[in-house]
């Protein structure tokens, strides 16, 4: 009996209005914190560290440990979803006249599920493309990858990519497609690159342009418009033989290379790429302004979409608030440059993008049903 009483009290607490008020207050604090942190951290990092995490962590100055200091949006959202479901099934009357409230509550629960789906599965990247250019991949400038290309075949390069998560100092990377191993010596998420000056210490690189360069680690830039110059010091080895130690960076305009067994290899540190099973060609970009001003009115890109596998070969217009949805991705008009010769698309892959629309429709339907029944009852009692 005591166990049943304890379970009953726990269920009542989870479905209580007091827990609802606490969770809503915490969410308001989280939104405020996220807004304030966008200035030093940038929008993406602020959201990741406050809203899309179960705990907010803090690292004391000079320490390496992280301490949890506040519940994150994931934890608060989970509690609020649990509270909503317990309140619905324990307190809400199961009757026809409460059907609207049941549907509205289910719509709210679905809204939380949609946010969790977005946090877990959404992938954002960008596709910069110039007029006349064709692209079949997008890039995520927040993540890097090391591209190792065999350029010996004039018809087509063979490329092996290594994600940033593996580029840790001390790591040794091998792949069946590579006749050598790569030893990671240094990794800087942001750096300053310059030519060596008299008095500078010897370069750690033994080959490539890095042998004449000075590379210094710098604090990571987190603001939205900043681009970090990541730098990687990597040695290529074939058994006990060193094939050279190279500095690779996304800030360098040329790849670093060496020869092995009659084949030429190129090392390039670049933003992470997501290849598409179709291609897009930018045919035209328009940048409209209000008459007599330089104030932007509209940006639009006319692209040619080609997907041989699906038999698609057509034009599509992408403009503000009107993305192109194709292949499970949405292409938004995000930016432009190079005297209106360059268009930048924000590419979003979000399997749960329909969930918020369905949730809002359920809430609206539930409210219409509930207040419709109330109105109908009032009209009948007034007769």
Protein backbone atom coordinates (compact mmCIF):
# COMPACT_ATOMS: atom_id res chain seq x y z
CA UNK A 1 0.00 0.00 0.00
CA UNK A 2 2.84 2.38 0.84
CA UNK A 3 4.39 1.70 -2.58
CA UNK A 4 1.10 2.56 -4.27
CA UNK A 5 0.82 5.74 -2.20
CA UNK A 6 4.37 6.73 -3.13
CA UNK A 7 3.68 6.11 -6.82
CA UNK A 8 0.46 8.07 -6.57
CA UNK A 9 2.20 11.04 -4.98
CA UNK A 10 4.96 10.92 -7.59
CA UNK A 11 2.41 10.82 -10.42
CA UNK A 12 0.48 13.71 -8.87
CA UNK A 13 3.69 15.74 -8.56
CA UNK A 14 4.65 15.06 -12.17
CA UNK A 15 1.21 16.22 -13.33
CA UNK A 16 0.96 19.22 -10.98
CA UNK A 17 0.43 22.80 -12.09
CA UNK A 18 3.32 23.78 -9.81
CA UNK A 19 5.75 21.75 -11.94
CA UNK A 20 4.28 23.40 -15.05
CA UNK A 21 4.97 26.86 -13.60
CA UNK A 22 8.54 25.90 -12.61
CA UNK A 23 9.31 24.51 -16.07
CA UNK A 24 7.87 27.54 -17.86
CA UNK A 25 9.91 29.85 -15.59
CA UNK A 26 13.08 27.87 -16.35
CA UNK A 27 12.36 28.04 -20.08
CA UNK A 28 12.01 31.82 -19.88
CA UNK A 29 15.37 32.03 -18.07
CA UNK A 30 16.95 29.77 -20.71
CA UNK A 31 15.63 31.92 -23.54
CA UNK A 32 17.05 35.02 -21.82
CA UNK A 33 20.42 33.33 -21.28
CA UNK A 34 20.53 32.13 -24.89
CA UNK A 35 19.74 35.62 -26.17
CA UNK A 36 22.49 37.22 -24.07
CA UNK A 37 25.06 34.55 -25.02
CA UNK A 38 24.50 35.09 -28.74
CA UNK A 39 26.76 38.18 -28.58
CA UNK A 40 29.93 36.42 -27.33
CA UNK A 41 29.20 32.92 -28.67
CA UNK A 42 27.15 33.41 -31.84
CA UNK A 43 23.66 32.10 -32.51
CA UNK A 44 24.51 28.46 -33.23
CA UNK A 45 26.81 27.89 -30.25
CA UNK A 46 24.50 29.75 -27.85
CA UNK A 47 21.56 27.54 -28.85
CA UNK A 48 23.66 24.36 -28.60
CA UNK A 49 24.94 25.21 -25.13
CA UNK A 50 21.63 26.32 -23.59
CA UNK A 51 18.57 25.05 -25.47
CA UNK A 52 19.75 21.85 -27.16
CA UNK A 53 21.47 20.29 -24.19
CA UNK A 54 20.29 18.54 -21.04
CA UNK A 55 22.69 20.41 -18.75
CA UNK A 56 24.53 23.72 -19.00
CA UNK A 57 28.19 23.22 -18.16
CA UNK A 58 30.75 25.65 -16.76
CA UNK A 59 34.54 25.31 -16.73
CA UNK A 60 36.29 27.28 -13.95
CA UNK A 61 39.19 29.51 -15.04
CA UNK A 62 42.40 27.51 -15.29
CA UNK A 63 40.62 24.17 -14.84
CA UNK A 64 39.90 21.36 -17.28
CA UNK A 65 36.83 19.88 -15.58
CA UNK A 66 33.27 20.88 -16.52
CA UNK A 67 30.62 21.39 -13.86
CA UNK A 68 26.84 21.29 -14.45
CA UNK A 69 25.38 24.60 -13.26
CA UNK A 70 21.85 24.81 -14.71
CA UNK A 71 19.29 22.55 -16.41
CA UNK A 72 19.35 22.84 -20.19
CA UNK A 73 16.48 23.05 -22.62
CA UNK A 74 16.50 19.29 -23.23
CA UNK A 75 15.98 18.48 -19.55
CA UNK A 76 13.37 21.20 -18.97
CA UNK A 77 11.53 20.26 -22.17
CA UNK A 78 11.48 16.59 -21.14
CA UNK A 79 10.04 17.50 -17.73
CA UNK A 80 7.43 19.74 -19.31
CA UNK A 81 6.43 17.02 -21.78
CA UNK A 82 6.17 14.51 -18.93
CA UNK A 83 4.12 17.02 -16.92
CA UNK A 84 1.77 17.60 -19.85
CA UNK A 85 1.18 13.88 -20.41
CA UNK A 86 0.64 13.08 -16.70
CA UNK A 87 -1.75 16.04 -16.33
CA UNK A 88 -3.67 14.92 -19.41
CA UNK A 89 -4.09 11.26 -18.47
CA UNK A 90 -4.57 11.76 -14.73
CA UNK A 91 -6.67 14.92 -14.56
CA UNK A 92 -8.38 15.47 -17.90
CA UNK A 93 -11.89 14.05 -18.08
CA UNK A 94 -12.35 11.31 -20.67
CA UNK A 95 -15.56 12.45 -22.29
CA UNK A 96 -16.88 13.77 -25.59
CA UNK A 97 -17.11 17.33 -24.29
CA UNK A 98 -13.38 17.29 -23.45
CA UNK A 99 -12.31 15.83 -26.80
CA UNK A 100 -11.09 19.23 -28.00
CA UNK A 101 -8.80 19.62 -24.99
CA UNK A 102 -7.42 16.12 -25.53
CA UNK A 103 -6.56 16.95 -29.14
CA UNK A 104 -5.03 20.32 -28.15
CA UNK A 105 -2.88 18.69 -25.45
CA UNK A 106 -1.69 16.03 -27.89
CA UNK A 107 -0.78 18.82 -30.32
CA UNK A 108 1.32 20.52 -27.62
CA UNK A 109 3.03 17.22 -26.79
CA UNK A 110 3.79 16.73 -30.49
CA UNK A 111 5.38 20.21 -30.57
CA UNK A 112 7.92 19.10 -27.95
CA UNK A 113 8.57 15.88 -29.87
CA UNK A 114 9.21 17.95 -33.00
CA UNK A 115 11.80 20.09 -31.23
CA UNK A 116 13.62 16.99 -29.99
CA UNK A 117 13.57 15.57 -33.53
CA UNK A 118 15.00 18.82 -34.88
CA UNK A 119 17.75 18.93 -32.25
CA UNK A 120 18.77 15.33 -32.91
CA UNK A 121 18.46 15.03 -36.68
CA UNK A 122 18.61 18.49 -38.28
CA UNK A 123 21.75 19.20 -40.33
CA UNK A 124 22.50 22.72 -41.58
CA UNK A 125 25.06 23.66 -44.19
CA UNK A 126 25.62 26.21 -46.93
CA UNK A 127 26.03 26.11 -50.68
CA UNK A 128 27.86 29.12 -52.14
CA UNK A 129 27.50 29.05 -55.91
CA UNK A 130 28.44 31.56 -58.61
CA UNK A 131 26.45 32.35 -61.74
CA UNK A 132 27.17 29.61 -64.29
CA UNK A 133 28.66 27.28 -61.68
CA UNK A 134 27.35 23.78 -60.91
CA UNK A 135 27.49 22.29 -57.42
CA UNK A 136 26.56 18.86 -56.07
CA UNK A 137 27.55 19.40 -52.42
CA UNK A 138 27.04 21.78 -49.52
CA UNK A 139 29.50 22.77 -46.79
CA UNK A 140 29.43 23.19 -43.02
CA UNK A 141 32.00 25.87 -42.15
CA UNK A 142 31.68 25.07 -38.43
CA UNK A 143 33.26 21.63 -38.98
CA UNK A 144 36.43 20.72 -40.84
CA UNK A 145 37.59 17.59 -42.63
CA UNK A 146 40.92 16.51 -44.07
CA UNK A 147 40.72 15.58 -47.73
CA UNK A 148 43.37 13.15 -48.98
CA UNK A 149 43.17 13.01 -52.77
CA UNK A 150 44.90 10.68 -55.22
CA UNK A 151 45.32 12.96 -58.24
CA UNK A 152 47.25 10.50 -60.39
CA UNK A 153 44.23 9.71 -62.60
CA UNK A 154 43.67 12.65 -65.00
CA UNK A 155 40.03 11.62 -65.49
CA UNK A 156 38.97 11.63 -61.84
CA UNK A 157 40.49 12.19 -58.39
CA UNK A 158 40.02 9.54 -55.72
CA UNK A 159 39.29 11.28 -52.42
CA UNK A 160 39.35 9.96 -48.85
CA UNK A 161 37.98 12.29 -46.17
CA UNK A 162 38.78 12.26 -42.45
CA UNK A 163 36.32 14.08 -40.13
CA UNK A 164 37.44 16.70 -37.63
CA UNK A 165 36.53 14.43 -34.73
CA UNK A 166 39.50 12.17 -35.62
CA UNK A 167 42.03 14.97 -36.02
CA UNK A 168 43.33 14.80 -32.46
CA UNK A 169 47.02 15.34 -31.59
CA UNK A 170 48.70 11.96 -31.21
CA UNK A 171 46.16 10.10 -33.34
CA UNK A 172 47.39 7.81 -36.12
CA UNK A 173 44.96 7.41 -39.00
CA UNK A 174 45.04 4.59 -41.51
CA UNK A 175 42.63 3.69 -44.29
CA UNK A 176 42.47 0.81 -46.74
CA UNK A 177 42.47 3.33 -49.61
CA UNK A 178 45.73 4.96 -48.44
CA UNK A 179 49.18 3.33 -48.86
CA UNK A 180 50.45 5.32 -45.85
CA UNK A 181 49.35 6.42 -42.39
CA UNK A 182 48.76 9.93 -41.12
CA UNK A 183 50.04 11.01 -37.71
CA UNK A 184 48.33 14.06 -36.25
CA UNK A 185 50.84 16.28 -34.45
CA UNK A 186 48.92 19.51 -33.86
CA UNK A 187 45.35 20.73 -34.28
CA UNK A 188 44.30 24.37 -33.91
CA UNK A 189 40.60 25.21 -34.23
CA UNK A 190 41.73 28.75 -35.03
CA UNK A 191 45.16 30.05 -35.91
CA UNK A 192 47.19 32.89 -37.36
CA UNK A 193 49.27 32.08 -40.40
CA UNK A 194 52.15 34.17 -41.70
CA UNK A 195 55.55 33.90 -43.34
CA UNK A 196 58.42 33.15 -40.98
CA UNK A 197 60.51 36.13 -39.91
CA UNK A 198 64.13 36.30 -38.79
CA UNK A 199 64.31 35.10 -35.23
CA UNK A 200 61.25 32.83 -35.49
CA UNK A 201 61.77 29.23 -34.29
CA UNK A 202 62.18 26.60 -37.01
CA UNK A 203 58.97 25.42 -38.61
CA UNK A 204 57.64 22.04 -37.53
CA UNK A 205 56.70 21.34 -41.15
CA UNK A 206 59.33 19.76 -43.38
CA UNK A 207 57.54 20.04 -46.73
CA UNK A 208 55.01 22.18 -48.57
CA UNK A 209 54.41 25.88 -48.03
CA UNK A 210 54.19 25.28 -44.27
CA UNK A 211 57.97 24.90 -44.09
CA UNK A 212 58.25 28.65 -44.68
CA UNK A 213 55.34 29.64 -42.44
CA UNK A 214 54.80 30.51 -38.79
CA UNK A 215 51.55 29.13 -37.39
CA UNK A 216 50.26 30.34 -34.03
CA UNK A 217 47.16 29.16 -32.17
CA UNK A 218 44.48 31.79 -31.57
CA UNK A 219 41.21 31.83 -29.56
CA UNK A 220 38.25 30.36 -31.40
CA UNK A 221 35.93 32.93 -32.97
CA UNK A 222 32.30 32.07 -32.26
CA UNK A 223 30.43 35.07 -33.69
CA UNK A 224 28.16 34.32 -36.64
CA UNK A 225 30.06 36.20 -39.36
CA UNK A 226 33.56 35.08 -38.32
CA UNK A 227 35.53 32.35 -40.07
CA UNK A 228 38.14 30.43 -38.08
CA UNK A 229 41.41 29.55 -39.76
CA UNK A 230 41.81 25.95 -38.62
CA UNK A 231 45.32 24.52 -38.88
CA UNK A 232 46.54 20.92 -38.84
CA UNK A 233 50.11 19.66 -38.57
CA UNK A 234 50.17 16.14 -40.04
CA UNK A 235 52.95 13.72 -40.94
CA UNK A 236 52.54 11.11 -43.66
CA UNK A 237 54.40 7.88 -42.94
CA UNK A 238 54.94 4.63 -44.86
CA UNK A 239 56.20 2.23 -42.23
CA UNK A 240 59.30 3.79 -40.69
CA UNK A 241 59.74 6.21 -43.62
CA UNK A 242 58.50 9.78 -43.26
CA UNK A 243 56.95 11.21 -46.42
CA UNK A 244 56.91 14.72 -44.98
CA UNK A 245 55.26 16.81 -42.28
CA UNK A 246 52.78 19.39 -43.56
CA UNK A 247 50.71 22.28 -42.30
CA UNK A 248 47.20 22.14 -43.76
CA UNK A 249 44.64 24.92 -43.27
CA UNK A 250 41.36 26.08 -44.74
CA UNK A 251 43.03 29.51 -44.95
CA UNK A 252 45.64 28.22 -47.42
CA UNK A 253 44.75 28.61 -51.05
CA UNK A 254 46.63 25.53 -52.25
CA UNK A 255 46.72 21.88 -51.09
CA UNK A 256 49.89 20.30 -49.76
CA UNK A 257 51.25 17.33 -51.69
CA UNK A 258 53.78 14.54 -52.01
CA UNK A 259 54.44 11.51 -54.21
CA UNK A 260 54.27 7.88 -53.17
CA UNK A 261 54.77 4.81 -55.37
CA UNK A 262 54.37 6.85 -58.55
CA UNK A 263 51.11 8.46 -57.40
CA UNK A 264 50.59 12.09 -56.45
CA UNK A 265 48.69 12.88 -53.24
CA UNK A 266 47.16 16.16 -52.06
CA UNK A 267 46.19 17.10 -48.49
CA UNK A 268 43.50 19.76 -48.03
CA UNK A 269 41.84 20.96 -44.83
CA UNK A 270 38.39 22.20 -45.84
CA UNK A 271 34.84 22.71 -44.48
CA UNK A 272 32.94 19.46 -44.12
CA UNK A 273 31.09 18.54 -47.31
CA UNK A 274 27.71 16.87 -47.74
CA UNK A 275 27.42 15.45 -51.23
CA UNK A 276 24.04 15.41 -52.97
CA UNK A 277 22.67 12.83 -55.43
CA UNK A 278 21.76 15.73 -57.74
CA UNK A 279 23.33 18.96 -58.95
CA UNK A 280 22.29 22.60 -59.12
CA UNK A 281 23.47 25.23 -61.60
CA UNK A 282 22.96 28.92 -60.83
CA UNK A 283 21.56 30.49 -63.99
CA UNK A 284 20.67 33.94 -62.66
CA UNK A 285 20.75 35.94 -59.43
CA UNK A 286 18.68 39.06 -58.79
CA UNK A 287 19.16 41.58 -55.99
CA UNK A 288 16.19 43.96 -55.94
CA UNK A 289 16.14 47.18 -53.89
CA UNK A 290 13.44 49.69 -53.07
CA UNK A 291 13.33 52.52 -55.66
CA UNK A 292 15.65 55.40 -54.83
CA UNK A 293 17.40 53.52 -51.99
CA UNK A 294 20.01 50.84 -51.36
CA UNK A 295 17.64 48.97 -49.04
CA UNK A 296 17.27 45.32 -50.13
CA UNK A 297 13.78 44.36 -51.23
CA UNK A 298 14.27 40.81 -52.48
CA UNK A 299 16.95 38.26 -53.36
CA UNK A 300 16.19 35.51 -55.84
CA UNK A 301 18.15 32.77 -57.58
CA UNK A 302 17.13 30.90 -60.69
CA UNK A 303 18.72 27.44 -60.62
CA UNK A 304 18.72 24.41 -62.88
CA UNK A 305 18.04 21.23 -60.94
CA UNK A 306 19.37 18.02 -62.48
CA UNK A 307 18.80 14.58 -60.96
CA UNK A 308 19.50 11.82 -63.46
CA UNK A 309 18.37 9.09 -61.06
CA UNK A 310 14.92 10.63 -60.60
CA UNK A 311 14.59 11.97 -64.15
CA UNK A 312 14.51 15.61 -62.94
CA UNK A 313 15.84 18.37 -65.20
CA UNK A 314 14.04 21.65 -64.56
CA UNK A 315 14.37 25.27 -63.48
CA UNK A 316 13.51 26.35 -59.92
CA UNK A 317 13.29 29.83 -58.39
CA UNK A 318 14.56 30.29 -54.84
CA UNK A 319 13.76 33.57 -53.12
CA UNK A 320 13.18 35.01 -49.66
CA UNK A 321 10.84 32.84 -47.55
CA UNK A 322 10.27 30.55 -50.55
CA UNK A 323 12.81 27.71 -50.37
CA UNK A 324 13.27 24.87 -52.81
CA UNK A 325 12.41 21.55 -51.15
CA UNK A 326 13.92 18.57 -52.88
CA UNK A 327 15.58 15.31 -51.91
CA UNK A 328 14.71 15.70 -48.22
CA UNK A 329 16.42 19.08 -48.02
CA UNK A 330 15.31 22.71 -48.10
CA UNK A 331 17.39 25.32 -49.96
CA UNK A 332 16.86 28.85 -48.58
CA UNK A 333 18.12 32.10 -50.09
CA UNK A 334 20.57 33.19 -47.38
CA UNK A 335 23.15 35.64 -48.73
CA UNK A 336 25.03 36.89 -51.77
CA UNK A 337 28.36 38.45 -52.81
CA UNK A 338 30.92 39.14 -55.53
CA UNK A 339 28.90 42.01 -57.03
CA UNK A 340 25.77 39.88 -57.25
CA UNK A 341 27.59 37.05 -59.03
CA UNK A 342 27.53 34.77 -55.98
CA UNK A 343 24.47 33.34 -54.27
CA UNK A 344 24.59 31.52 -50.93
CA UNK A 345 21.93 28.95 -50.04
CA UNK A 346 21.26 27.71 -46.53
CA UNK A 347 20.73 23.96 -46.88
CA UNK A 348 18.64 22.33 -44.16
CA UNK A 349 17.98 18.63 -43.73
CA UNK A 350 15.27 18.20 -41.10
CA UNK A 351 13.27 14.94 -41.23
CA UNK A 352 10.81 16.36 -38.69
CA UNK A 353 10.05 19.64 -40.44
CA UNK A 354 6.34 18.79 -40.83
CA UNK A 355 5.82 18.04 -37.12
CA UNK A 356 5.38 21.70 -35.98
CA UNK A 357 2.78 22.29 -38.71
CA UNK A 358 0.86 19.17 -37.68
CA UNK A 359 1.14 20.20 -34.03
CA UNK A 360 -0.28 23.68 -34.68
CA UNK A 361 -3.10 22.17 -36.74
CA UNK A 362 -4.02 19.80 -33.88
CA UNK A 363 -3.98 22.63 -31.30
CA UNK A 364 -6.15 24.81 -33.55
CA UNK A 365 -8.55 21.93 -34.22
CA UNK A 366 -8.74 21.11 -30.53
CA UNK A 367 -9.48 24.70 -29.56
CA UNK A 368 -12.15 25.01 -32.26
CA UNK A 369 -13.79 21.80 -31.08
CA UNK A 370 -13.65 22.76 -27.42
CA UNK A 371 -15.01 26.29 -27.79
CA UNK A 372 -17.45 25.13 -30.45
CA UNK A 373 -18.95 22.64 -28.01
CA UNK A 374 -19.03 25.33 -25.30
CA UNK A 375 -20.80 27.73 -27.65
CA UNK A 376 -23.25 25.08 -28.74
CA UNK A 377 -24.08 24.24 -25.11
CA UNK A 378 -24.55 27.92 -24.27
CA UNK A 379 -26.90 28.45 -27.20
CA UNK A 380 -28.98 25.42 -26.22
CA UNK A 381 -29.28 26.58 -22.60
CA UNK A 382 -30.30 30.06 -23.74
CA UNK A 383 -33.39 28.72 -25.59
